[in-house]
Amino acid sequence: MARVSVEYKDHIAHVTLTRGDKMNALDDEMIKGIIAAGHEVAASKARAVVLAGEGKAFCAGLDLMSFAKMGQMDPEEWLMARSFDDANEVQEVAMAWRRVPVPVIAAVQGVCFGGGLQLALGADIRIAAPDARFSVMEMKWGIVPDMGGMALLPRLLRSDVLRRLTYTAEVFEAPQALDWGLVTEVSDDPLASAQALAAEIAGKNPEGIRAAKRLIGVAETADQAAVLMEESREQVTLIGTPNQMEAIAAQMQKRPPQFKD
């Protein structure tokens, strides 16, 4: 897959941006590769996903050639088309990972700027190196976040912090990102931590994990009555199923569960 590799091991999909010599910057080929990887993983039997970038950076955002291309295109034709459900192509870079039915864990090192940050926001969980650097960088180029950032950032940041970061394009490091709620955890080895967490998740009832991700998605956006009904509906689909019974048996017998896909 162009610019992106996907490997499956022990029920985990390992997705890696492979343009390390360019700090995994986003060009057309990378954008298409990330989307294709997201759609492939969504259709797979993976129980968890680790999303990472090779080399010194997670993703430096759009590369300079992509900015040059902007000036040659009709922005309305390019951006207003809904090519992927409710998203355009560049928004699907992040939103594809929200559509993946199992948890996605981003391992962030080096820079995570602009479109790279929005890609990381598509993950359920973000684990960052202590010196990882972040920026809502679009205002540096005189534009606004438009790759799903404004659908995802308000769920994580207070309004005043979101406004500050968007207005200034300032660069900040992982400890500050953790304090603001933008990252989940800071780790000296974010990839190893992400892989360990993915393995823990992959050891749970896969049907239960998928139900939990669907339920959280509803809980973040719906009213109380809808959330309560969705809790009940998802639970009805799980109780008494073979994998749910195996979870109980494994706990009672103090052994690792053996779930079926």
Protein backbone atom coordinates (compact mmCIF):
# COMPACT_ATOMS: atom_id res chain seq x y z
CA MET A 1 0.00 0.00 0.00
CA ALA A 2 1.51 3.31 -1.10
CA ARG A 3 3.14 5.26 1.74
CA VAL A 4 1.49 3.05 4.40
CA SER A 5 2.10 -0.50 5.59
CA VAL A 6 -0.48 -2.72 7.28
CA GLU A 7 0.56 -5.86 9.13
CA TYR A 8 -1.60 -8.19 11.22
CA LYS A 9 -0.25 -10.09 14.20
CA ASP A 10 -2.05 -11.61 17.17
CA HIS A 11 -5.35 -9.97 16.21
CA ILE A 12 -3.73 -6.49 16.06
CA ALA A 13 -3.43 -4.39 12.90
CA HIS A 14 -0.14 -2.49 12.87
CA VAL A 15 -0.51 0.51 10.54
CA THR A 16 2.65 2.51 9.83
CA LEU A 17 3.20 5.64 7.77
CA THR A 18 6.30 4.84 5.73
CA ARG A 19 7.49 8.21 4.44
CA GLY A 20 9.97 8.66 7.24
CA ASP A 21 12.48 10.55 5.11
CA LYS A 22 9.85 13.31 4.73
CA MET A 23 8.65 13.14 8.35
CA ASN A 24 5.59 11.29 7.03
CA ALA A 25 4.25 14.51 5.54
CA LEU A 26 0.93 14.26 3.74
CA ASP A 27 0.91 14.33 -0.04
CA ASP A 28 -1.79 12.93 -2.35
CA GLU A 29 -0.29 9.45 -2.27
CA MET A 30 -0.03 9.45 1.53
CA ILE A 31 -3.60 10.73 1.92
CA LYS A 32 -4.94 7.99 -0.32
CA GLY A 33 -2.78 5.37 1.41
CA ILE A 34 -3.99 6.33 4.89
CA ILE A 35 -7.62 6.22 3.80
CA ALA A 36 -7.15 2.86 2.06
CA ALA A 37 -5.45 1.46 5.17
CA GLY A 38 -8.29 2.65 7.38
CA HIS A 39 -10.90 1.06 5.15
CA GLU A 40 -8.93 -2.19 4.92
CA VAL A 41 -8.56 -2.45 8.68
CA ALA A 42 -12.24 -1.60 9.21
CA ALA A 43 -13.20 -4.58 7.07
CA SER A 44 -10.73 -6.93 8.77
CA LYS A 45 -11.09 -9.13 11.85
CA ALA A 46 -8.52 -7.10 13.80
CA ARG A 47 -9.44 -6.55 17.43
CA ALA A 48 -7.28 -3.44 17.89
CA VAL A 49 -5.12 -1.11 15.79
CA VAL A 50 -1.77 0.57 16.43
CA LEU A 51 -1.21 3.64 14.23
CA ALA A 52 2.37 4.94 14.03
CA GLY A 53 4.85 6.77 11.84
CA GLU A 54 8.29 5.47 10.94
CA GLY A 55 11.43 7.47 11.63
CA LYS A 56 11.69 10.63 13.69
CA ALA A 57 8.11 11.92 13.33
CA PHE A 58 4.54 10.76 13.55
CA CYS A 59 3.36 13.14 10.81
CA ALA A 60 4.47 16.69 9.99
CA GLY A 61 1.18 17.60 8.27
CA LEU A 62 0.75 18.64 4.65
CA ASP A 63 3.95 18.84 2.65
CA LEU A 64 4.88 22.03 0.84
CA MET A 65 3.95 20.64 -2.58
CA SER A 66 0.40 20.12 -1.32
CA PHE A 67 0.21 23.79 -0.38
CA ALA A 68 1.37 24.69 -3.89
CA LYS A 69 -1.37 22.48 -5.30
CA MET A 70 -4.01 24.38 -3.32
CA GLY A 71 -3.36 27.47 -5.41
CA GLN A 72 -4.04 25.55 -8.61
CA MET A 73 -7.36 23.99 -7.60
CA ASP A 74 -10.92 25.17 -7.24
CA PRO A 75 -11.30 24.92 -3.43
CA GLU A 76 -15.07 24.47 -3.64
CA GLU A 77 -14.79 21.59 -6.07
CA TRP A 78 -11.98 20.04 -4.05
CA LEU A 79 -13.41 20.36 -0.54
CA MET A 80 -17.21 20.58 -0.71
CA ALA A 81 -17.80 17.14 -2.24
CA ARG A 82 -18.77 14.51 0.35
CA SER A 83 -16.75 11.60 -0.99
CA PHE A 84 -16.86 9.42 2.13
CA ASP A 85 -20.22 9.45 3.91
CA ASP A 86 -20.22 12.86 5.66
CA ALA A 87 -16.56 13.68 4.87
CA ASN A 88 -14.47 14.88 1.96
CA GLU A 89 -11.23 13.13 1.03
CA VAL A 90 -8.91 15.07 3.34
CA GLN A 91 -11.34 14.77 6.27
CA GLU A 92 -11.45 11.01 5.77
CA VAL A 93 -7.75 10.88 6.71
CA ALA A 94 -8.88 11.30 10.33
CA MET A 95 -12.49 10.17 10.20
CA ALA A 96 -11.66 6.79 8.62
CA TRP A 97 -10.13 5.78 11.96
CA ARG A 98 -13.23 6.83 13.87
CA ARG A 99 -15.18 4.57 11.52
CA VAL A 100 -12.90 1.59 12.29
CA PRO A 101 -15.12 -0.55 14.56
CA VAL A 102 -12.34 -1.44 17.02
CA PRO A 103 -10.07 0.74 19.18
CA VAL A 104 -7.26 2.62 17.41
CA ILE A 105 -4.19 3.64 19.42
CA ALA A 106 -1.83 6.27 17.98
CA ALA A 107 1.84 6.15 19.01
CA VAL A 108 3.22 9.66 18.58
CA GLN A 109 6.87 10.65 18.43
CA GLY A 110 8.58 13.72 17.03
CA VAL A 111 6.27 16.22 15.39
CA CYS A 112 2.50 15.89 15.09
CA PHE A 113 1.47 19.04 13.27
CA GLY A 114 -1.61 20.21 11.40
CA GLY A 115 -3.03 17.36 9.36
CA GLY A 116 -0.82 14.96 11.34
CA LEU A 117 -2.47 16.06 14.56
CA GLN A 118 -5.90 15.63 13.01
CA LEU A 119 -4.90 12.11 11.91
CA ALA A 120 -3.91 11.32 15.51
CA LEU A 121 -7.26 12.72 16.69
CA GLY A 122 -8.97 10.02 14.64
CA ALA A 123 -7.54 7.45 17.05
CA ASP A 124 -9.40 6.48 20.22
CA ILE A 125 -6.24 6.86 22.31
CA ARG A 126 -2.99 8.80 21.83
CA ILE A 127 0.27 7.81 23.55
CA ALA A 128 3.08 10.33 23.09
CA ALA A 129 6.80 10.51 23.71
CA PRO A 130 7.79 13.13 26.31
CA ASP A 131 9.41 15.33 23.64
CA ALA A 132 6.69 14.89 21.02
CA ARG A 133 5.53 18.26 19.68
CA PHE A 134 2.03 19.21 18.62
CA SER A 135 0.39 22.11 16.82
CA VAL A 136 -2.97 23.05 15.40
CA MET A 137 -0.81 24.61 12.71
CA GLU A 138 -3.22 25.68 9.97
CA MET A 139 -3.31 29.37 10.97
CA LYS A 140 0.41 29.53 10.22
CA TRP A 141 -0.64 29.18 6.59
CA GLY A 142 -3.65 31.45 6.90
CA ILE A 143 -6.25 28.68 6.90
CA VAL A 144 -8.38 26.75 9.43
CA PRO A 145 -8.27 23.08 10.47
CA ASP A 146 -10.26 21.19 7.84
CA MET A 147 -9.28 17.52 8.16
CA GLY A 148 -11.79 16.60 10.83
CA GLY A 149 -10.15 18.65 13.56
CA MET A 150 -13.20 20.71 14.39
CA ALA A 151 -15.35 17.59 14.69
CA LEU A 152 -12.84 16.02 17.11
CA LEU A 153 -10.97 18.71 19.04
CA PRO A 154 -14.01 20.10 20.90
CA ARG A 155 -14.52 16.66 22.49
CA LEU A 156 -11.06 16.85 24.06
CA LEU A 157 -10.21 20.50 24.75
CA ARG A 158 -11.87 23.27 26.71
CA SER A 159 -13.20 25.98 24.44
CA ASP A 160 -10.63 28.57 25.53
CA VAL A 161 -7.72 26.16 24.93
CA LEU A 162 -9.12 25.15 21.55
CA ARG A 163 -9.43 28.79 20.54
CA ARG A 164 -5.94 29.67 21.74
CA LEU A 165 -4.32 26.80 19.84
CA THR A 166 -6.33 27.45 16.68
CA TYR A 167 -5.74 31.22 16.66
CA THR A 168 -2.01 31.06 17.40
CA ALA A 169 -0.74 27.82 15.76
CA GLU A 170 1.65 27.58 18.72
CA VAL A 171 3.80 24.48 19.19
CA PHE A 172 3.54 22.63 22.50
CA GLU A 173 5.01 19.42 23.90
CA ALA A 174 3.50 16.24 25.24
CA PRO A 175 3.31 17.16 28.95
CA GLN A 176 1.20 20.20 28.07
CA ALA A 177 -0.88 18.12 25.65
CA LEU A 178 -1.48 15.64 28.47
CA ASP A 179 -2.53 18.41 30.85
CA TRP A 180 -4.98 19.77 28.28
CA GLY A 181 -6.42 16.32 27.56
CA LEU A 182 -5.16 16.06 24.00
CA VAL A 183 -3.08 12.93 24.68
CA THR A 184 -3.96 9.99 26.89
CA GLU A 185 -0.53 9.08 28.22
CA VAL A 186 3.12 10.09 27.97
CA SER A 187 5.58 7.22 27.55
CA ASP A 188 9.32 6.97 26.92
CA ASP A 189 8.48 4.32 24.31
CA PRO A 190 5.06 5.21 22.89
CA LEU A 191 5.07 2.45 20.29
CA ALA A 192 5.79 -0.28 22.86
CA SER A 193 3.13 1.18 25.16
CA ALA A 194 0.61 1.32 22.32
CA GLN A 195 1.37 -2.27 21.36
CA ALA A 196 0.98 -3.44 24.97
CA LEU A 197 -2.35 -1.65 25.33
CA ALA A 198 -3.54 -3.05 21.99
CA ALA A 199 -2.63 -6.56 23.17
CA GLU A 200 -4.63 -6.04 26.37
CA ILE A 201 -7.66 -4.87 24.37
CA ALA A 202 -7.27 -7.72 21.88
CA GLY A 203 -7.56 -10.13 24.82
CA LYS A 204 -11.10 -8.96 25.61
CA ASN A 205 -14.38 -10.16 24.06
CA PRO A 206 -14.09 -8.78 20.50
CA GLU A 207 -17.84 -8.37 20.20
CA GLY A 208 -17.91 -6.51 23.51
CA ILE A 209 -15.10 -4.18 22.43
CA ARG A 210 -16.88 -3.34 19.17
CA ALA A 211 -20.11 -2.73 21.06
CA ALA A 212 -18.26 -0.47 23.51
CA LYS A 213 -16.81 1.66 20.71
CA ARG A 214 -20.24 2.04 19.11
CA LEU A 215 -21.80 2.90 22.47
CA ILE A 216 -19.17 5.51 23.32
CA GLY A 217 -19.73 7.13 19.93
CA VAL A 218 -23.42 7.49 20.75
CA ALA A 219 -22.73 8.60 24.33
CA GLU A 220 -20.53 11.46 23.13
CA THR A 221 -23.21 13.00 20.93
CA ALA A 222 -26.73 11.84 21.83
CA ASP A 223 -29.19 12.92 24.50
CA GLN A 224 -29.72 10.97 27.72
CA ALA A 225 -32.72 8.96 26.56
CA ALA A 226 -30.92 7.84 23.40
CA VAL A 227 -27.81 6.84 25.36
CA LEU A 228 -29.79 4.84 27.90
CA MET A 229 -31.64 3.03 25.12
CA GLU A 230 -28.38 2.31 23.29
CA GLU A 231 -26.84 0.87 26.47
CA SER A 232 -29.72 -1.57 26.71
CA ARG A 233 -29.70 -2.43 23.01
CA GLU A 234 -25.97 -3.17 22.92
CA GLN A 235 -26.15 -5.24 26.11
CA VAL A 236 -28.99 -7.37 24.69
CA THR A 237 -26.78 -8.24 21.71
CA LEU A 238 -23.97 -9.44 24.02
CA ILE A 239 -25.52 -11.34 26.93
CA GLY A 240 -25.42 -15.10 26.48
CA THR A 241 -23.35 -15.10 23.30
CA PRO A 242 -20.51 -17.67 23.08
CA ASN A 243 -17.74 -15.08 23.51
CA GLN A 244 -19.48 -13.46 26.46
CA MET A 245 -19.89 -16.85 28.11
CA GLU A 246 -16.23 -17.58 27.39
CA ALA A 247 -15.28 -14.33 29.16
CA ILE A 248 -17.14 -15.51 32.26
CA ALA A 249 -15.69 -19.04 32.08
CA ALA A 250 -12.14 -17.74 31.71
CA GLN A 251 -12.56 -15.48 34.73
CA MET A 252 -14.01 -18.27 36.84
CA GLN A 253 -11.29 -20.73 35.78
CA LYS A 254 -8.49 -18.13 36.06
CA ARG A 255 -7.19 -18.72 32.53
CA PRO A 256 -6.76 -16.63 29.39
CA PRO A 257 -9.96 -16.54 27.33
CA GLN A 258 -10.09 -18.14 23.90
CA PHE A 259 -12.43 -15.97 21.86
CA LYS A 260 -13.69 -16.75 18.37
CA ASP A 261 -13.75 -14.09 15.66
